[in-house]
Amino acid sequence: MNIEMIRAAAERLKGHARRTPILTSPFLDEIAGRKVYVKAECLQHTGSFKFRGGWSAVSSLSDNELKTGVIAFSSGNHAQGVALAAREHSAPAVIVMPADAPHVKIDNTRALGAEVVLYDRATEDRDEIGAKLSAERGLTLIKPFDEPLVIAGQGTTGLEIAEDMNALGVENADVVVCCGGGGLTSGIALALEAEAPTLRVRPAEPENFDDVTRSLAAGEIKRNERLSGSLMDAIITPQPGNITFPLMQRLCGPGIVVTEEEALRAVGLAFERLRVVVEPGGAAALAAVLFHPQEFQGDAVIAVATGGNVDATVFQKALATLPA
């Protein structure tokens, strides 16, 4: 896994992925006590950065692999990214999704033409289900984070951050990334190591599902005891990846853990002050920046808003956290 793979992915993504904007608000700056830059990946195709990795992986397949089809497992954002990339390449797609994933994610994945297979994430193993279907149908598995081509695609986000921060004259700042298995986090870290080495990546995770934060502190991979039960479903994974963890261990600063309430407040503030829709899991980095200011030094910080696929009921709950 190296910077050349990320640069190659950027070439394949040209004309297909959106270059997402950097958003700012003086009101958010006031809350955080420093300048806040928000990389709005919630405005990416399918509503999350996952399209980058999905396209990177699918666009690398042979004609025969595309004809046979692909399979992925995801709580929703990787599902949609792979489904759209597969559709654009005229490839069949099977997506294994937890039954408790937000309905909007399940519905959108089906609407993109993918076959959705639901499972109980508390009692069933998605890896086993995916391996069985892959073997039976000859499908190519596209893992959600522990896959070099996927990491390379996600890392293109970091190339854009490096360019934008250089243009803005921002140096020695933390880049906070909503972190599940670490594909985006490690990809951005690799990109910044090459293009903006004074910017440091920090993972942001949900309370009680902080496997990356604990793993970084312990120096070895730690698992989550539970795999469900948080509104930040988009960034809940069993443990860091075998590929992503060594990269994060080498390149990232300490993790930051946020509560569900903080994530909901960040969703509300993102809508009120930036006029963007972010899901709770996609708002973890912004929550860390706004509500854990003691974690940061310097005059600026960058938060990656990773996804915007939120059910209406959850979004209403987030809006209810705003002052009347």
Protein backbone atom coordinates (compact mmCIF):
# COMPACT_ATOMS: atom_id res chain seq x y z
CA MET A 1 0.00 0.00 0.00
CA ASN A 2 1.66 3.25 -1.13
CA ILE A 3 1.11 6.77 -2.41
CA GLU A 4 1.44 5.68 -6.05
CA MET A 5 -1.66 3.51 -5.66
CA ILE A 6 -3.57 6.55 -4.37
CA ARG A 7 -2.38 8.69 -7.27
CA ALA A 8 -3.38 5.97 -9.72
CA ALA A 9 -6.82 5.77 -8.11
CA ALA A 10 -7.15 9.55 -8.48
CA GLU A 11 -6.55 9.17 -12.22
CA ARG A 12 -9.27 6.49 -12.49
CA LEU A 13 -11.67 8.65 -10.49
CA LYS A 14 -11.22 11.72 -12.71
CA GLY A 15 -14.55 12.65 -14.27
CA HIS A 16 -16.39 10.20 -11.99
CA ALA A 17 -15.99 11.32 -8.37
CA ARG A 18 -16.85 14.81 -7.20
CA ARG A 19 -14.16 17.04 -5.78
CA THR A 20 -15.95 17.90 -2.56
CA PRO A 21 -15.72 21.39 -1.03
CA ILE A 22 -14.15 22.69 2.14
CA LEU A 23 -16.86 24.45 4.17
CA THR A 24 -16.44 26.96 7.01
CA SER A 25 -18.62 28.85 9.46
CA PRO A 26 -17.65 31.54 12.00
CA PHE A 27 -20.26 30.08 14.36
CA LEU A 28 -18.50 26.68 14.35
CA ASP A 29 -15.15 28.42 14.81
CA GLU A 30 -16.52 30.08 17.93
CA ILE A 31 -17.69 26.77 19.41
CA ALA A 32 -14.38 25.03 18.66
CA GLY A 33 -12.18 27.94 19.70
CA ARG A 34 -10.23 27.79 16.43
CA LYS A 35 -10.77 27.85 12.68
CA VAL A 36 -12.73 24.78 11.55
CA TYR A 37 -12.50 23.46 7.99
CA VAL A 38 -15.05 20.80 7.04
CA LYS A 39 -14.29 18.50 4.09
CA ALA A 40 -17.84 17.73 2.91
CA GLU A 41 -17.64 14.15 1.66
CA CYS A 42 -21.35 13.93 2.51
CA LEU A 43 -21.77 15.65 -0.88
CA GLN A 44 -19.94 12.87 -2.73
CA HIS A 45 -21.89 10.57 -5.09
CA THR A 46 -24.18 8.22 -3.06
CA GLY A 47 -23.78 10.58 -0.11
CA SER A 48 -20.40 9.43 1.19
CA PHE A 49 -16.68 9.02 0.51
CA LYS A 50 -17.27 5.32 -0.05
CA PHE A 51 -17.94 5.93 -3.75
CA ARG A 52 -14.24 6.68 -4.16
CA GLY A 53 -13.14 3.27 -2.89
CA GLY A 54 -15.95 1.47 -4.69
CA TRP A 55 -15.02 3.02 -8.03
CA SER A 56 -11.31 2.47 -7.45
CA ALA A 57 -11.86 -1.25 -6.88
CA VAL A 58 -14.51 -1.91 -9.55
CA SER A 59 -12.64 0.05 -12.23
CA SER A 60 -9.62 -2.22 -11.67
CA LEU A 61 -11.48 -5.46 -12.45
CA SER A 62 -11.05 -7.47 -15.65
CA ASP A 63 -13.87 -7.74 -18.20
CA ASN A 64 -14.55 -11.30 -17.07
CA GLU A 65 -14.71 -10.28 -13.39
CA LEU A 66 -17.10 -7.45 -14.24
CA LYS A 67 -19.33 -9.83 -16.22
CA THR A 68 -19.53 -12.27 -13.30
CA GLY A 69 -20.18 -9.55 -10.76
CA VAL A 70 -19.07 -8.25 -7.37
CA ILE A 71 -20.08 -8.73 -3.75
CA ALA A 72 -19.60 -6.42 -0.78
CA PHE A 73 -20.72 -6.25 2.85
CA SER A 74 -21.65 -2.94 4.41
CA SER A 75 -24.03 -1.14 6.75
CA GLY A 76 -24.90 1.10 3.83
CA ASN A 77 -22.35 3.59 2.55
CA HIS A 78 -19.85 1.12 1.07
CA ALA A 79 -22.91 -0.76 -0.22
CA GLN A 80 -24.12 2.23 -2.19
CA GLY A 81 -20.65 3.17 -3.41
CA VAL A 82 -20.01 -0.32 -4.79
CA ALA A 83 -23.56 -0.61 -6.18
CA LEU A 84 -23.23 2.61 -8.18
CA ALA A 85 -19.73 1.78 -9.40
CA ALA A 86 -20.91 -1.68 -10.46
CA ARG A 87 -23.94 -0.25 -12.27
CA GLU A 88 -21.76 2.23 -14.15
CA HIS A 89 -19.57 -0.69 -15.23
CA SER A 90 -22.62 -2.87 -16.13
CA ALA A 91 -21.58 -5.41 -13.49
CA PRO A 92 -24.01 -7.32 -11.23
CA ALA A 93 -23.67 -6.50 -7.53
CA VAL A 94 -24.69 -8.41 -4.39
CA ILE A 95 -24.55 -6.48 -1.12
CA VAL A 96 -24.70 -8.13 2.31
CA MET A 97 -26.21 -5.62 4.75
CA PRO A 98 -27.21 -5.74 8.44
CA ALA A 99 -30.98 -5.85 8.88
CA ASP A 100 -30.79 -2.92 11.33
CA ALA A 101 -29.07 -0.60 8.83
CA PRO A 102 -30.96 2.65 8.17
CA HIS A 103 -33.84 2.03 5.77
CA VAL A 104 -32.66 4.83 3.49
CA LYS A 105 -29.37 2.98 2.94
CA ILE A 106 -31.04 -0.35 2.22
CA ASP A 107 -33.58 1.25 -0.12
CA ASN A 108 -30.95 3.29 -1.96
CA THR A 109 -28.72 0.24 -2.46
CA ARG A 110 -31.61 -1.66 -4.03
CA ALA A 111 -32.54 1.36 -6.14
CA LEU A 112 -29.00 1.35 -7.56
CA GLY A 113 -29.69 -2.12 -8.93
CA ALA A 114 -27.91 -4.27 -6.36
CA GLU A 115 -29.28 -7.47 -4.83
CA VAL A 116 -29.42 -6.92 -1.07
CA VAL A 117 -28.94 -9.85 1.34
CA LEU A 118 -29.87 -8.93 4.93
CA TYR A 119 -28.35 -10.51 8.05
CA ASP A 120 -28.42 -10.13 11.84
CA ARG A 121 -25.11 -8.54 12.80
CA ALA A 122 -25.50 -9.62 16.43
CA THR A 123 -25.80 -13.34 15.63
CA GLU A 124 -24.51 -13.86 12.07
CA ASP A 125 -21.06 -13.39 10.53
CA ARG A 126 -21.08 -11.22 7.42
CA ASP A 127 -17.68 -12.56 6.36
CA GLU A 128 -19.05 -16.11 6.30
CA ILE A 129 -22.14 -15.04 4.37
CA GLY A 130 -20.05 -13.08 1.88
CA ALA A 131 -17.53 -15.91 1.42
CA LYS A 132 -20.32 -18.44 0.82
CA LEU A 133 -22.09 -16.31 -1.79
CA SER A 134 -18.82 -15.37 -3.43
CA ALA A 135 -17.82 -19.04 -3.78
CA GLU A 136 -21.24 -20.14 -5.02
CA ARG A 137 -21.56 -17.47 -7.69
CA GLY A 138 -17.93 -16.67 -8.50
CA LEU A 139 -18.31 -13.08 -7.37
CA THR A 140 -15.35 -10.79 -6.67
CA LEU A 141 -15.36 -9.61 -3.05
CA ILE A 142 -14.75 -5.90 -2.48
CA LYS A 143 -14.00 -5.45 1.20
CA PRO A 144 -15.17 -2.24 2.89
CA PHE A 145 -11.82 -1.14 4.28
CA ASP A 146 -9.09 -3.79 4.44
CA GLU A 147 -8.49 -3.81 0.69
CA PRO A 148 -5.62 -1.88 -0.98
CA LEU A 149 -7.67 -0.69 -3.97
CA VAL A 150 -10.41 0.58 -1.66
CA ILE A 151 -7.90 2.32 0.63
CA ALA A 152 -6.33 3.91 -2.46
CA GLY A 153 -9.67 5.30 -3.55
CA GLN A 154 -10.43 6.69 -0.11
CA GLY A 155 -6.95 8.19 0.03
CA THR A 156 -7.81 10.51 -2.86
CA THR A 157 -9.74 12.51 -0.25
CA GLY A 158 -6.40 13.21 1.39
CA LEU A 159 -4.86 14.44 -1.87
CA GLU A 160 -7.66 17.01 -2.12
CA ILE A 161 -7.27 18.06 1.52
CA ALA A 162 -3.53 18.54 0.99
CA GLU A 163 -4.11 20.74 -2.06
CA ASP A 164 -6.84 22.79 -0.40
CA MET A 165 -4.96 23.36 2.85
CA ASN A 166 -1.84 24.34 0.95
CA ALA A 167 -3.88 26.91 -1.00
CA LEU A 168 -5.32 28.23 2.27
CA GLY A 169 -1.92 28.35 3.95
CA VAL A 170 -2.95 25.93 6.71
CA GLU A 171 -0.06 24.05 8.33
CA ASN A 172 0.49 21.97 11.48
CA ALA A 173 -3.19 21.12 11.89
CA ASP A 174 -4.99 17.92 12.82
CA VAL A 175 -7.24 16.24 10.25
CA VAL A 176 -10.00 14.45 12.14
CA VAL A 177 -11.58 11.49 10.34
CA CYS A 178 -14.68 9.46 11.25
CA CYS A 179 -13.19 6.00 11.64
CA GLY A 180 -14.63 2.50 11.37
CA GLY A 181 -12.18 -0.08 10.05
CA GLY A 182 -9.69 2.57 9.01
CA GLY A 183 -9.82 2.57 5.21
CA LEU A 184 -10.44 6.30 4.88
CA THR A 185 -8.28 7.16 7.90
CA SER A 186 -5.25 5.23 6.67
CA GLY A 187 -5.75 6.35 3.07
CA ILE A 188 -5.86 10.03 4.04
CA ALA A 189 -2.85 9.53 6.32
CA LEU A 190 -0.82 8.00 3.48
CA ALA A 191 -1.77 10.83 1.13
CA LEU A 192 -0.88 13.51 3.68
CA GLU A 193 2.42 11.83 4.52
CA ALA A 194 3.45 12.43 0.91
CA GLU A 195 1.71 15.73 0.13
CA ALA A 196 1.24 17.57 3.45
CA PRO A 197 3.39 15.92 6.16
CA THR A 198 2.71 18.67 8.72
CA LEU A 199 -0.98 17.71 8.81
CA ARG A 200 -1.71 14.90 11.30
CA VAL A 201 -4.63 12.49 11.06
CA ARG A 202 -6.73 11.74 14.16
CA PRO A 203 -9.43 9.01 14.16
CA ALA A 204 -12.84 9.86 15.68
CA GLU A 205 -15.02 7.01 16.96
CA PRO A 206 -18.30 6.30 18.80
CA GLU A 207 -18.36 5.73 22.53
CA ASN A 208 -18.39 1.96 23.29
CA PHE A 209 -17.21 1.21 19.72
CA ASP A 210 -13.71 2.68 19.95
CA ASP A 211 -11.64 -0.25 18.71
CA VAL A 212 -9.18 1.91 16.76
CA THR A 213 -8.61 4.32 19.65
CA ARG A 214 -7.97 1.43 22.04
CA SER A 215 -5.81 -0.39 19.50
CA LEU A 216 -3.62 2.65 18.94
CA ALA A 217 -3.20 3.11 22.70
CA ALA A 218 -2.39 -0.57 23.25
CA GLY A 219 -0.13 -1.00 20.24
CA GLU A 220 -2.11 -4.02 19.07
CA ILE A 221 -5.49 -4.73 17.49
CA LYS A 222 -8.42 -4.67 19.92
CA ARG A 223 -11.98 -5.79 19.13
CA ASN A 224 -15.30 -4.21 19.99
CA GLU A 225 -17.38 -6.24 22.43
CA ARG A 226 -20.60 -5.27 20.65
CA LEU A 227 -21.30 -4.77 16.93
CA SER A 228 -24.59 -2.86 17.10
CA GLY A 229 -26.47 -0.37 19.22
CA SER A 230 -25.28 3.07 18.10
CA LEU A 231 -26.75 5.74 15.83
CA MET A 232 -23.22 6.01 14.43
CA ASP A 233 -23.76 2.70 12.60
CA ALA A 234 -21.70 3.84 9.61
CA ILE A 235 -18.46 3.58 11.60
CA ILE A 236 -19.06 0.43 13.64
CA THR A 237 -16.73 -2.44 12.70
CA PRO A 238 -15.49 -5.45 14.68
CA GLN A 239 -11.87 -4.25 14.76
CA PRO A 240 -9.28 -2.35 12.71
CA GLY A 241 -8.08 -4.01 9.53
CA ASN A 242 -4.86 -5.99 9.27
CA ILE A 243 -3.75 -3.62 6.49
CA THR A 244 -5.18 -0.40 7.92
CA PHE A 245 -4.00 -0.74 11.52
CA PRO A 246 -0.23 -0.72 10.87
CA LEU A 247 -0.70 2.35 8.66
CA MET A 248 -2.70 4.15 11.34
CA GLN A 249 -0.23 3.07 14.02
CA ARG A 250 2.62 4.60 12.02
CA LEU A 251 0.92 7.76 10.80
CA CYS A 252 -1.97 8.77 13.09
CA GLY A 253 -2.23 10.60 16.38
CA PRO A 254 -4.41 9.35 19.27
CA GLY A 255 -8.07 8.60 18.64
CA ILE A 256 -10.93 10.70 19.99
CA VAL A 257 -14.15 9.16 21.30
CA VAL A 258 -17.49 10.99 20.98
CA THR A 259 -20.90 10.28 22.48
CA GLU A 260 -24.11 9.72 20.57
CA GLU A 261 -25.45 12.99 21.94
CA GLU A 262 -22.39 14.89 20.68
CA ALA A 263 -22.77 13.34 17.23
CA LEU A 264 -26.44 14.33 17.07
CA ARG A 265 -25.58 17.90 18.08
CA ALA A 266 -22.93 17.98 15.35
CA VAL A 267 -25.50 16.80 12.79
CA GLY A 268 -27.81 19.61 13.86
CA LEU A 269 -25.06 22.24 13.75
CA ALA A 270 -23.83 21.07 10.34
CA PHE A 271 -27.30 21.65 8.97
CA GLU A 272 -27.85 24.94 10.78
CA ARG A 273 -24.45 26.50 10.06
CA LEU A 274 -23.20 24.78 6.88
CA ARG A 275 -26.53 23.79 5.31
CA VAL A 276 -25.40 20.22 4.72
CA VAL A 277 -26.99 16.95 5.84
CA VAL A 278 -24.63 14.65 7.73
CA GLU A 279 -25.45 11.29 9.35
CA PRO A 280 -24.35 10.67 12.98
CA GLY A 281 -21.46 8.41 11.97
CA GLY A 282 -20.38 10.97 9.40
CA ALA A 283 -20.47 13.71 12.03
CA ALA A 284 -18.16 12.04 14.58
CA ALA A 285 -15.14 14.05 13.41
CA LEU A 286 -17.05 17.33 13.59
CA ALA A 287 -18.32 16.37 17.05
CA ALA A 288 -14.74 15.72 18.17
CA VAL A 289 -13.62 19.11 16.85
CA LEU A 290 -16.52 21.05 18.39
CA PHE A 291 -16.90 19.33 21.75
CA HIS A 292 -13.39 18.10 22.57
CA PRO A 293 -11.32 21.27 21.95
CA GLN A 294 -8.77 20.23 24.57
CA GLU A 295 -7.64 17.48 22.17
CA PHE A 296 -6.20 19.98 19.71
CA GLN A 297 -3.49 22.58 19.51
CA GLY A 298 -3.00 25.36 17.01
CA ASP A 299 -5.33 27.78 15.28
CA ALA A 300 -7.01 25.42 12.82
CA VAL A 301 -8.42 21.92 12.53
CA ILE A 302 -9.94 19.95 9.63
CA ALA A 303 -12.94 17.65 10.09
CA VAL A 304 -14.01 15.19 7.40
CA ALA A 305 -17.81 14.91 7.20
CA THR A 306 -17.82 11.42 5.75
CA GLY A 307 -21.47 10.65 4.98
CA GLY A 308 -24.96 12.10 4.78
CA ASN A 309 -27.24 9.07 4.53
CA VAL A 310 -29.48 9.62 7.54
CA ASP A 311 -33.04 8.45 8.16
CA ALA A 312 -35.57 11.25 8.57
CA THR A 313 -36.44 10.24 12.15
CA VAL A 314 -32.80 10.41 13.24
CA PHE A 315 -32.32 13.72 11.45
CA GLN A 316 -35.34 15.14 13.26
CA LYS A 317 -33.82 14.01 16.55
CA ALA A 318 -30.63 15.85 15.62
CA LEU A 319 -32.49 19.03 14.73
CA ALA A 320 -34.24 18.85 18.10
CA THR A 321 -30.85 19.41 19.80
CA LEU A 322 -30.70 22.94 18.35
CA PRO A 323 -31.85 25.86 20.51
CA ALA A 324 -35.44 26.88 19.77
